[in-house]
Protein backbone atom coordinates (compact mmCIF):
# COMPACT_ATOMS: atom_id res chain seq x y z
CA MET A 1 -27.13 73.25 18.12
CA THR A 2 -23.48 73.73 17.33
CA ASP A 3 -22.40 74.59 13.80
CA ARG A 4 -19.26 72.51 14.17
CA PRO A 5 -19.05 69.45 11.89
CA ARG A 6 -19.57 66.22 13.79
CA VAL A 7 -17.66 62.96 13.69
CA ALA A 8 -18.75 59.57 15.03
CA ILE A 9 -16.19 56.81 15.54
CA LYS A 10 -16.94 53.13 16.15
CA THR A 11 -14.20 50.75 17.27
CA LEU A 12 -14.13 47.01 16.66
CA GLY A 13 -11.59 44.56 18.04
CA CYS A 14 -8.55 45.02 20.22
CA LYS A 15 -7.35 47.55 22.78
CA LEU A 16 -4.79 48.72 20.23
CA ASN A 17 -7.69 49.82 18.03
CA GLN A 18 -9.27 51.56 21.00
CA TYR A 19 -6.13 53.62 21.54
CA GLU A 20 -5.91 54.49 17.85
CA SER A 21 -9.58 55.51 17.80
CA GLU A 22 -8.84 58.01 20.56
CA GLN A 23 -5.97 59.34 18.44
CA LEU A 24 -8.45 59.72 15.57
CA ARG A 25 -10.97 61.49 17.80
CA GLU A 26 -8.38 64.02 18.91
CA ASP A 27 -7.19 64.48 15.30
CA PHE A 28 -10.74 65.43 14.34
CA GLU A 29 -11.25 67.61 17.42
CA ALA A 30 -8.03 69.48 16.63
CA LEU A 31 -9.56 70.41 13.26
CA GLY A 32 -12.71 71.73 14.92
CA PHE A 33 -14.97 68.66 14.78
CA GLU A 34 -17.29 67.68 17.60
CA ALA A 35 -17.15 63.97 18.54
CA VAL A 36 -20.59 62.35 18.98
CA PRO A 37 -21.79 58.76 19.59
CA PHE A 38 -21.94 56.51 16.54
CA ARG A 39 -25.72 56.26 16.77
CA ALA A 40 -26.06 60.06 16.46
CA ASP A 41 -26.40 62.20 13.36
CA ALA A 42 -22.92 63.06 12.10
CA ASP A 43 -21.14 64.53 9.10
CA VAL A 44 -18.40 61.90 9.21
CA TYR A 45 -18.61 58.27 10.35
CA VAL A 46 -15.44 56.28 10.95
CA VAL A 47 -15.45 52.52 11.55
CA ASN A 48 -12.12 51.30 12.93
CA THR A 49 -12.39 47.68 11.85
CA CYS A 50 -11.02 44.29 12.93
CA THR A 51 -10.49 41.16 10.84
CA VAL A 52 -9.79 38.44 13.40
CA THR A 53 -12.93 36.50 12.41
CA HIS A 54 -15.68 36.41 9.79
CA ARG A 55 -17.96 38.00 12.38
CA THR A 56 -15.80 41.12 12.78
CA ASP A 57 -15.65 41.49 9.00
CA ARG A 58 -19.43 41.26 8.90
CA ASP A 59 -19.76 43.83 11.69
CA ALA A 60 -17.69 46.31 9.69
CA ARG A 61 -20.00 46.00 6.68
CA ARG A 62 -23.12 46.23 8.85
CA LEU A 63 -21.94 49.39 10.60
CA ALA A 64 -21.03 51.06 7.30
CA ARG A 65 -24.52 50.37 5.95
CA GLN A 66 -26.11 51.66 9.16
CA ALA A 67 -24.15 54.90 8.88
CA ARG A 68 -25.16 55.39 5.26
CA ARG A 69 -28.83 54.84 6.10
CA ARG A 70 -28.58 57.29 8.98
CA ARG A 71 -27.03 60.05 6.87
CA SER A 72 -26.99 59.71 3.11
CA ASP A 73 -24.64 62.66 2.56
CA ALA A 74 -22.13 61.79 5.30
CA VAL A 75 -18.50 60.97 4.63
CA ILE A 76 -18.05 57.32 5.62
CA ILE A 77 -14.57 56.00 6.32
CA LEU A 78 -13.55 52.38 6.90
CA THR A 79 -10.11 51.89 8.37
CA GLY A 80 -8.28 49.31 10.50
CA CYS A 81 -7.38 45.70 9.82
CA CYS A 82 -10.41 44.67 7.76
CA ALA A 83 -9.84 47.69 5.53
CA GLU A 84 -6.17 46.71 5.32
CA MET A 85 -6.92 43.14 4.22
CA HIS A 86 -10.17 43.46 2.27
CA ALA A 87 -10.15 46.93 0.72
CA ASP A 88 -11.53 45.74 -2.65
CA ARG A 89 -14.38 43.89 -0.96
CA LEU A 90 -15.32 46.89 1.19
CA GLU A 91 -15.11 49.31 -1.72
CA ALA A 92 -17.36 47.01 -3.75
CA LEU A 93 -20.13 47.56 -1.19
CA GLY A 94 -20.57 51.05 -2.61
CA VAL A 95 -21.14 52.44 0.89
CA ALA A 96 -17.83 53.92 2.04
CA ASP A 97 -16.26 57.09 0.68
CA VAL A 98 -12.82 56.11 1.94
CA VAL A 99 -11.30 52.68 2.65
CA ALA A 100 -7.90 53.11 4.28
CA GLY A 101 -5.47 50.78 6.05
CA ASN A 102 -3.82 51.26 9.41
CA ASP A 103 -0.91 53.37 8.16
CA ALA A 104 -3.34 55.97 6.79
CA LYS A 105 -4.98 56.69 10.14
CA PRO A 106 -2.94 59.86 10.86
CA ASP A 107 -4.26 61.42 7.62
CA LEU A 108 -7.95 60.55 7.96
CA ALA A 109 -9.17 63.68 9.77
CA ARG A 110 -7.76 66.04 7.17
CA LEU A 111 -8.96 63.76 4.37
CA ALA A 112 -12.49 63.83 5.81
CA ALA A 113 -12.36 67.62 6.16
CA ALA A 114 -11.31 67.91 2.52
CA ARG A 115 -14.19 65.68 1.41
CA LEU A 116 -16.66 67.84 3.35
CA ALA A 117 -15.18 71.00 1.81
CA GLU A 118 -15.66 69.51 -1.65
CA ARG A 119 -19.35 69.15 -0.78
CA GLY A 120 -19.66 72.78 0.23
CA ARG A 121 -19.47 72.28 4.00
CA ARG A 122 -17.27 74.78 5.84
CA VAL A 123 -14.73 73.11 8.09
CA PRO A 124 -12.93 75.38 10.56
CA GLU A 125 -9.16 75.56 10.39
CA GLY A 126 -7.95 73.81 13.52
CA ARG A 127 -4.57 73.31 15.06
CA THR A 128 -1.96 70.91 13.70
CA ARG A 129 -1.25 67.88 15.87
CA ASP A 130 2.35 66.90 16.48
CA ALA A 131 3.81 63.75 14.95
CA GLU A 132 3.44 61.73 18.17
CA ARG A 133 -0.34 62.31 18.28
CA LEU A 134 -0.44 61.77 22.04
CA VAL A 135 -3.90 61.17 23.50
CA ARG A 136 -4.93 63.60 26.24
CA ARG A 137 -7.83 61.60 27.66
CA PHE A 138 -10.21 58.69 27.20
CA PRO A 139 -13.55 60.44 27.77
CA ASP A 140 -15.58 57.23 27.86
CA ASN A 141 -13.12 55.10 29.87
CA THR A 142 -11.84 55.36 33.41
CA ARG A 143 -8.86 53.18 32.52
CA ALA A 144 -6.63 54.40 29.69
CA PHE A 145 -4.86 52.31 27.04
CA VAL A 146 -1.36 53.14 25.84
CA LYS A 147 0.03 51.67 22.63
CA VAL A 148 3.63 50.64 23.16
CA GLN A 149 4.04 48.29 20.20
CA GLU A 150 2.24 47.07 17.08
CA GLY A 151 2.76 44.33 14.51
CA CYS A 152 4.00 40.80 14.99
CA ASP A 153 6.89 38.66 13.75
CA ALA A 154 5.37 35.35 14.85
CA ALA A 155 3.98 32.82 12.38
CA CYS A 156 0.93 31.30 14.06
CA ALA A 157 -0.88 29.29 11.41
CA TYR A 158 -4.34 30.74 12.07
CA CYS A 159 -3.54 34.45 12.45
CA ILE A 160 -4.06 37.14 9.82
CA ILE A 161 -2.97 40.01 12.08
CA THR A 162 0.71 39.48 11.25
CA ILE A 163 -0.23 40.51 7.70
CA ALA A 164 -2.73 43.21 8.65
CA ARG A 165 -0.44 44.93 11.17
CA GLY A 166 2.94 44.10 9.63
CA PRO A 167 6.20 43.40 11.45
CA SER A 168 6.79 44.28 15.08
CA ARG A 169 7.47 48.00 15.72
CA SER A 170 8.00 49.44 19.19
CA VAL A 171 7.11 52.95 20.30
CA PRO A 172 10.24 54.62 21.75
CA ALA A 173 10.22 54.48 25.53
CA GLU A 174 10.38 58.27 25.89
CA THR A 175 7.20 58.62 23.84
CA VAL A 176 5.44 55.91 25.85
CA LEU A 177 6.37 57.62 29.11
CA ARG A 178 5.16 61.02 27.88
CA GLN A 179 1.87 59.42 26.85
CA VAL A 180 1.46 57.60 30.16
CA GLU A 181 2.18 60.71 32.20
CA LEU A 182 -0.22 62.82 30.13
CA LEU A 183 -3.06 60.37 30.70
CA ALA A 184 -2.26 59.96 34.38
CA ARG A 185 -2.23 63.73 34.90
CA SER A 186 -5.57 63.90 33.10
CA GLY A 187 -7.00 61.85 35.97
CA HIS A 188 -6.93 58.28 34.71
CA PRO A 189 -6.21 56.05 37.74
CA GLU A 190 -4.95 53.14 35.63
CA VAL A 191 -3.01 52.80 32.39
CA VAL A 192 -2.95 49.57 30.39
CA LEU A 193 0.10 48.93 28.21
CA VAL A 194 -1.07 47.34 24.96
CA GLY A 195 0.43 45.97 21.76
CA THR A 196 -0.11 43.37 19.07
CA HIS A 197 2.85 41.37 20.40
CA LEU A 198 3.55 43.10 23.69
CA GLY A 199 6.35 40.81 24.82
CA ALA A 200 8.39 41.72 21.74
CA TYR A 201 8.69 45.30 22.94
CA GLY A 202 12.09 46.86 22.32
CA ARG A 203 13.63 44.18 20.10
CA ASP A 204 13.50 46.43 17.03
CA LEU A 205 14.87 49.53 18.79
CA GLY A 206 18.50 48.46 18.72
CA ALA A 207 21.19 47.69 21.26
CA GLY A 208 20.64 49.20 24.68
CA ALA A 209 16.92 49.76 24.17
CA PRO A 210 14.67 48.80 27.10
CA ASP A 211 12.71 45.57 27.02
CA LEU A 212 9.16 45.29 28.33
CA ALA A 213 10.21 44.76 31.95
CA GLU A 214 12.38 47.88 31.86
CA LEU A 215 9.55 49.86 30.27
CA VAL A 216 7.21 48.76 33.06
CA ARG A 217 9.77 49.78 35.68
CA ARG A 218 10.15 53.22 34.10
CA THR A 219 6.39 53.61 33.91
CA CYS A 220 6.05 52.82 37.60
CA ASP A 221 8.71 55.40 38.41
CA LEU A 222 6.41 58.17 37.18
CA ASP A 223 4.95 59.79 40.28
CA ALA A 224 1.69 60.68 38.53
CA VAL A 225 0.86 57.08 37.63
CA PRO A 226 -1.40 55.30 40.15
CA ARG A 227 -1.67 51.82 38.61
CA VAL A 228 -0.24 49.90 35.64
CA ARG A 229 -1.76 46.85 33.93
CA LEU A 230 -0.30 44.69 31.19
CA SER A 231 -2.34 43.38 28.28
CA SER A 232 -1.82 39.98 26.66
CA ILE A 233 1.72 38.49 26.78
CA GLU A 234 2.86 35.34 24.99
CA PRO A 235 3.93 32.46 27.30
CA CYS A 236 7.57 32.42 26.22
CA GLU A 237 7.86 36.17 26.89
CA VAL A 238 6.63 36.21 30.49
CA SER A 239 10.02 36.89 32.06
CA ASP A 240 10.99 36.33 35.66
CA GLU A 241 11.25 40.11 36.07
CA LEU A 242 7.69 40.64 34.90
CA VAL A 243 6.43 37.86 37.15
CA GLU A 244 8.23 39.41 40.11
CA MET A 245 6.68 42.81 39.44
CA VAL A 246 3.20 41.38 38.99
CA CYS A 247 3.41 39.17 42.07
CA ALA A 248 4.88 41.94 44.20
CA GLY A 249 2.43 44.44 42.81
CA GLY A 250 5.18 46.97 42.28
CA ARG A 251 5.94 47.41 45.99
CA ALA A 252 9.64 46.75 45.36
CA LEU A 253 9.62 49.51 42.75
CA ALA A 254 8.39 52.20 45.12
CA PRO A 255 9.17 51.15 48.69
CA ASP A 256 9.11 54.68 50.10
CA ARG A 257 5.93 55.99 48.53
CA ASN A 258 2.98 56.56 50.82
CA GLY A 259 0.20 56.97 48.26
CA LEU A 260 -1.00 55.12 45.19
CA ASP A 261 -1.96 58.03 42.99
CA GLY A 262 -0.52 61.30 44.13
CA GLY A 263 -3.71 62.48 45.80
CA HIS A 264 -6.53 60.97 43.76
CA SER A 265 -6.97 58.10 46.19
CA ARG A 266 -7.30 57.90 49.90
CA LEU A 267 -5.43 54.62 50.18
CA PRO A 268 -1.89 54.41 51.46
CA LEU A 269 0.27 51.71 49.90
CA HIS A 270 0.59 49.85 53.20
CA SER A 271 -3.19 49.42 53.34
CA LEU A 272 -2.95 47.02 50.40
CA PRO A 273 -0.30 44.53 51.51
CA GLY A 274 1.87 43.27 48.66
CA ARG A 275 0.36 45.60 46.08
CA GLY A 276 1.55 48.82 44.54
CA LYS A 277 1.44 49.95 40.95
CA VAL A 278 1.59 46.77 38.85
CA CYS A 279 -1.69 44.90 38.74
CA ARG A 280 -1.78 41.23 39.80
CA HIS A 281 -3.12 40.22 36.43
CA LEU A 282 -1.59 38.44 33.44
CA HIS A 283 -3.35 37.39 30.26
CA ILE A 284 -1.28 34.57 28.73
CA PRO A 285 -2.61 33.04 25.47
CA LEU A 286 -2.83 29.25 25.48
CA GLN A 287 -4.85 28.48 22.30
CA SER A 288 -4.87 24.71 22.90
CA GLY A 289 -4.12 22.25 25.67
CA CYS A 290 -3.16 19.54 23.19
CA ASP A 291 0.44 19.30 22.00
CA ALA A 292 -0.53 17.96 18.58
CA THR A 293 -2.85 20.92 18.01
CA LEU A 294 -0.28 23.39 19.27
CA LYS A 295 2.24 22.00 16.82
CA ARG A 296 -0.17 22.42 13.88
CA MET A 297 -0.86 25.96 15.08
CA ASN A 298 2.90 26.63 15.02
CA ARG A 299 2.86 27.77 18.65
CA PRO A 300 6.39 27.85 20.17
CA TYR A 301 5.69 25.92 23.41
CA ASP A 302 3.96 22.78 24.65
CA ARG A 303 1.40 22.20 27.38
CA ALA A 304 4.05 21.27 29.94
CA TYR A 305 5.79 24.63 29.45
CA TYR A 306 2.51 26.51 29.83
CA ARG A 307 1.46 24.51 32.90
CA ASP A 308 4.81 25.07 34.64
CA LEU A 309 4.65 28.79 33.90
CA VAL A 310 1.14 29.31 35.24
CA GLU A 311 1.54 27.06 38.27
CA GLY A 312 4.83 28.79 39.11
CA ILE A 313 3.21 32.22 39.04
CA VAL A 314 0.27 31.18 41.21
CA ALA A 315 2.61 29.44 43.65
CA ARG A 316 4.35 32.78 44.20
CA GLU A 317 1.12 34.81 44.51
CA PRO A 318 -2.14 32.83 44.72
CA ARG A 319 -4.29 35.91 44.11
CA VAL A 320 -2.78 36.74 40.72
CA CYS A 321 -5.53 36.61 38.10
CA ILE A 322 -4.39 34.68 35.03
CA GLY A 323 -6.49 34.66 31.89
CA ALA A 324 -5.96 32.61 28.75
CA ASP A 325 -7.04 32.66 25.10
CA VAL A 326 -8.29 29.33 23.76
CA LEU A 327 -9.12 28.65 20.10
CA THR A 328 -11.61 25.89 19.32
CA GLY A 329 -12.24 24.06 16.06
CA PHE A 330 -8.78 24.45 14.57
CA PRO A 331 -8.32 22.21 11.48
CA GLY A 332 -7.74 18.61 12.49
CA GLU A 333 -8.92 19.09 16.09
CA THR A 334 -10.51 15.75 16.91
CA ASP A 335 -12.85 15.04 19.81
CA GLU A 336 -9.91 13.49 21.64
CA GLU A 337 -7.72 16.54 21.09
CA PHE A 338 -10.47 18.81 22.33
CA GLU A 339 -10.88 16.65 25.44
CA HIS A 340 -7.15 17.07 26.07
CA THR A 341 -7.68 20.83 26.00
CA LEU A 342 -10.76 20.67 28.20
CA ASP A 343 -9.04 18.50 30.82
CA PHE A 344 -5.88 20.59 30.70
CA VAL A 345 -7.69 23.88 31.21
CA ARG A 346 -9.88 22.40 33.92
CA ALA A 347 -6.76 21.54 35.95
CA LEU A 348 -4.97 24.86 35.36
CA PRO A 349 -5.11 27.62 38.00
CA VAL A 350 -6.40 30.17 35.50
CA ALA A 351 -9.25 32.49 36.48
CA TYR A 352 -10.98 32.95 33.13
CA LEU A 353 -10.81 32.20 29.40
CA HIS A 354 -11.29 34.22 26.27
CA VAL A 355 -12.66 31.56 23.92
CA PHE A 356 -12.54 32.04 20.16
CA THR A 357 -14.15 29.88 17.50
CA TYR A 358 -11.74 29.18 14.65
CA SER A 359 -12.52 31.22 11.55
CA GLU A 360 -10.80 30.56 8.22
CA ARG A 361 -8.68 33.54 7.23
CA PRO A 362 -7.56 33.52 3.58
CA GLY A 363 -3.81 33.95 3.31
CA THR A 364 -3.00 32.02 6.48
CA PRO A 365 -1.44 28.52 6.47
CA ALA A 366 -4.40 27.11 8.42
CA ALA A 367 -6.86 28.10 5.69
CA GLY A 368 -5.43 25.36 3.46
CA MET A 369 -5.10 22.67 6.10
CA PRO A 370 -7.15 19.47 5.88
CA GLY A 371 -9.53 18.30 8.59
CA SER A 372 -11.99 21.18 8.70
CA VAL A 373 -14.15 20.93 11.82
CA ASN A 374 -17.92 21.10 11.39
CA PRO A 375 -19.16 24.60 12.36
CA GLU A 376 -21.73 23.16 14.78
CA VAL A 377 -19.00 21.17 16.50
CA ARG A 378 -16.91 24.33 16.78
CA LYS A 379 -19.82 26.14 18.42
CA ARG A 380 -20.48 23.31 20.85
CA ARG A 381 -16.84 23.23 21.94
CA THR A 382 -16.85 27.00 22.32
CA HIS A 383 -19.90 26.83 24.62
CA MET A 384 -18.28 24.12 26.73
CA LEU A 385 -15.15 26.16 27.29
CA ARG A 386 -17.11 29.31 28.04
CA ASP A 387 -19.10 27.40 30.65
CA LEU A 388 -15.81 26.25 32.17
CA SER A 389 -14.55 29.84 32.17
CA ARG A 390 -17.61 30.98 34.13
CA GLN A 391 -17.04 28.21 36.67
CA LYS A 392 -13.42 29.23 37.11
CA MET A 393 -14.26 32.90 37.53
CA ARG A 394 -16.83 32.04 40.19
CA ARG A 395 -14.20 30.05 42.10
CA PHE A 396 -11.65 32.83 41.78
CA ALA A 397 -14.15 35.37 43.11
CA THR A 398 -15.09 33.16 46.04
CA VAL A 399 -11.55 33.02 47.40
CA ALA A 400 -11.35 36.84 47.37
CA VAL A 401 -13.86 37.08 50.22
CA GLY A 402 -12.09 38.58 53.21
CA GLU A 403 -9.50 40.46 51.13
CA ARG A 404 -8.99 44.21 50.83
CA LEU A 405 -8.74 45.19 47.17
CA GLY A 406 -7.70 48.35 45.39
CA VAL A 407 -10.55 49.15 42.99
CA VAL A 408 -10.67 51.56 40.06
CA VAL A 409 -14.25 52.85 40.26
CA GLU A 410 -15.61 52.85 36.72
CA THR A 411 -19.38 53.37 36.76
CA PRO A 412 -21.64 55.55 38.89
CA ARG A 413 -24.11 52.87 40.02
CA ASP A 414 -25.21 49.31 39.31
CA GLU A 415 -28.83 48.11 39.37
CA ALA A 416 -28.70 47.93 43.16
CA GLY A 417 -27.37 51.46 43.42
CA ARG A 418 -23.81 50.42 44.19
CA LEU A 419 -20.58 51.77 42.74
CA THR A 420 -18.70 49.26 40.59
CA GLY A 421 -15.14 48.94 39.38
CA ILE A 422 -12.19 46.67 38.62
CA SER A 423 -9.71 45.42 41.19
CA ASP A 424 -6.02 45.08 40.48
CA ASN A 425 -6.55 41.32 40.05
CA TYR A 426 -9.34 41.85 37.53
CA LEU A 427 -12.40 41.21 39.67
CA ARG A 428 -15.59 43.18 39.14
CA VAL A 429 -16.32 44.78 42.52
CA ALA A 430 -19.55 46.41 43.78
CA PHE A 431 -19.82 48.46 46.96
CA GLU A 432 -21.68 51.34 48.62
CA GLY A 433 -19.90 54.66 48.34
CA PRO A 434 -20.13 58.34 47.33
CA ASP A 435 -20.22 59.49 43.71
CA GLU A 436 -16.96 61.38 44.20
CA LEU A 437 -15.11 58.06 44.02
CA VAL A 438 -16.00 57.51 40.35
CA GLY A 439 -12.79 57.67 38.32
CA ARG A 440 -10.60 57.11 41.36
CA LEU A 441 -8.97 54.31 43.31
CA ALA A 442 -10.79 53.06 46.38
CA ALA A 443 -10.00 50.40 48.99
CA VAL A 444 -12.80 47.84 49.36
CA ASP A 445 -13.11 45.05 51.90
CA VAL A 446 -14.68 42.07 50.09
CA THR A 447 -17.55 40.46 51.99
CA ALA A 448 -19.28 38.27 49.37
CA SER A 449 -18.88 36.72 45.94
CA GLU A 450 -21.61 37.20 43.32
CA ASP A 451 -21.45 34.81 40.35
CA GLY A 452 -17.93 35.65 39.25
CA ALA A 453 -17.87 39.12 40.78
CA VAL A 454 -17.55 40.33 44.38
CA ALA A 455 -19.21 42.82 46.69
CA GLY A 456 -17.92 44.59 49.74
CA SER A 457 -17.72 47.78 51.75
CA LEU A 458 -15.54 50.84 51.50
CA ALA A 459 -12.55 50.42 53.78
CA GLU A 460 -12.13 52.84 56.65
C-alpha cells in the first residue's frame, strides 16, 4: 500500500470536461497524488460536473453523497458547470468541502493539498506545472481529446452553457499543436479537437489568426499525428474547406506520406483509398426539423439550409458519418411540429442522433416561454427519435459491408473474444486479431453488419 495521498476524479458531461479532468489528474499527480478510480477509497474526491439537464445536476449531488459515505474524512470538491451555476445549492447540501467554478480548476490540486495538510495529512511537495497545463496522456482512453476552444457567444434560447462557460475563448494555435503532438507521441492513434463552440475557433484571437480549417490543416501537418477527428460543429460553421478535408480524409494534405502514424500502424495510406488523417465524421447539431420550433429556439438556420448542407456532404462522400443533436419537448412544440421533425430526420442522410429531452434551465429565455410540454410527452418523443436513430445506424452499418476501414483498436476483447474499435467514419468494428493491436490503427475488411456495428477480418 502506497503512502501517497489518493485522488479520485469523476467526469460528467462533455468531452471538454473530459480533457479538463485529465488536466486535473496531472495537476494532482504533479503534487505527488496517486489517481484511483472514483469507486475506490481516496483522500480527495473531485466531481467535474455538468448542468445541461436536471439529470446531470442530480448526478452531481448523488456522486458527492456517495463520496462522503465512502470516506467521511475525505476532501470533496465539486467543480464544473453545475458548480458554476448552482454553487449555493451545492454548498447547502453540506457534503462538499469546496464548490468551485470552471475558472478555479487550475488551483484545485493545491487547494486540496492544503486542506489535507490542515487535517494533519502529509502531502509531498511535487513539481509545479507550467501555465499551459498540457496533458501527457489519457490513461483510460485510446483516443485523446484536445481542448481548442471554450465558451459560446450564441444565444440559443434553451442553453445555459453560454452562461456557465462564458464567452468564446480560443486556445492559441501553437499551444494546441504542442498539446496534439505530445499526445500523439505518447501513443494515442487519434486526437479529437473539442470545444464548446468549435466552429468559432480563432475569432477572438485577432487579425491573421487561424480559423478552424487552418488549425486542422496545421494539426494534420504534424508527422506524429495518425488521425484527427472533429467534435460537434454548428451548421453555419461547416465551411467548404472543412467539408473538403473530411470528404477527402486528409489525403490532399499529405499526398506524399506512406504511413498513417509514423510506425504505430501497419497500414499504408494507399491501402485506405480516399482516407488519410481527417476522419469522415461530422456531428452537426440540428435540434429541430420544424422551422417554427427553430425560430423559437433562436437557431440561426432553417431546415432547408440544414438539409442542403447534409445532402451536399453525402453527395460528395457517401460514407461520411453525419450525426445530429435533436431536442424534444421544447416549449410550444405541438404534435404537428414534432411530426415535422420526425419526418425531416427520417428523410435526412444522417447516420445517428443524439436525442435530448428538453429540461428547463433557470436563467434561459426558454424557461419563461409558454406552452410547456407534458413530461410524459417529452419522454415518448425522445423514445421515438432514439428508435429512429437505431434504425439509421443499422442502415449505415449495412452499407459498410465490403469496405476496408481504418480502425483505432480500443478494447482488448468483446464477449466473443474479438478486438473492437472505432473506424474513421464512426462505426464500431469487431474483428479477430492479436493483442498487440490494442491502442493502434488497424486495417479491417468489413464482412458483416451487426445491429448498428460491423465485423470483419484484419486486412493482409
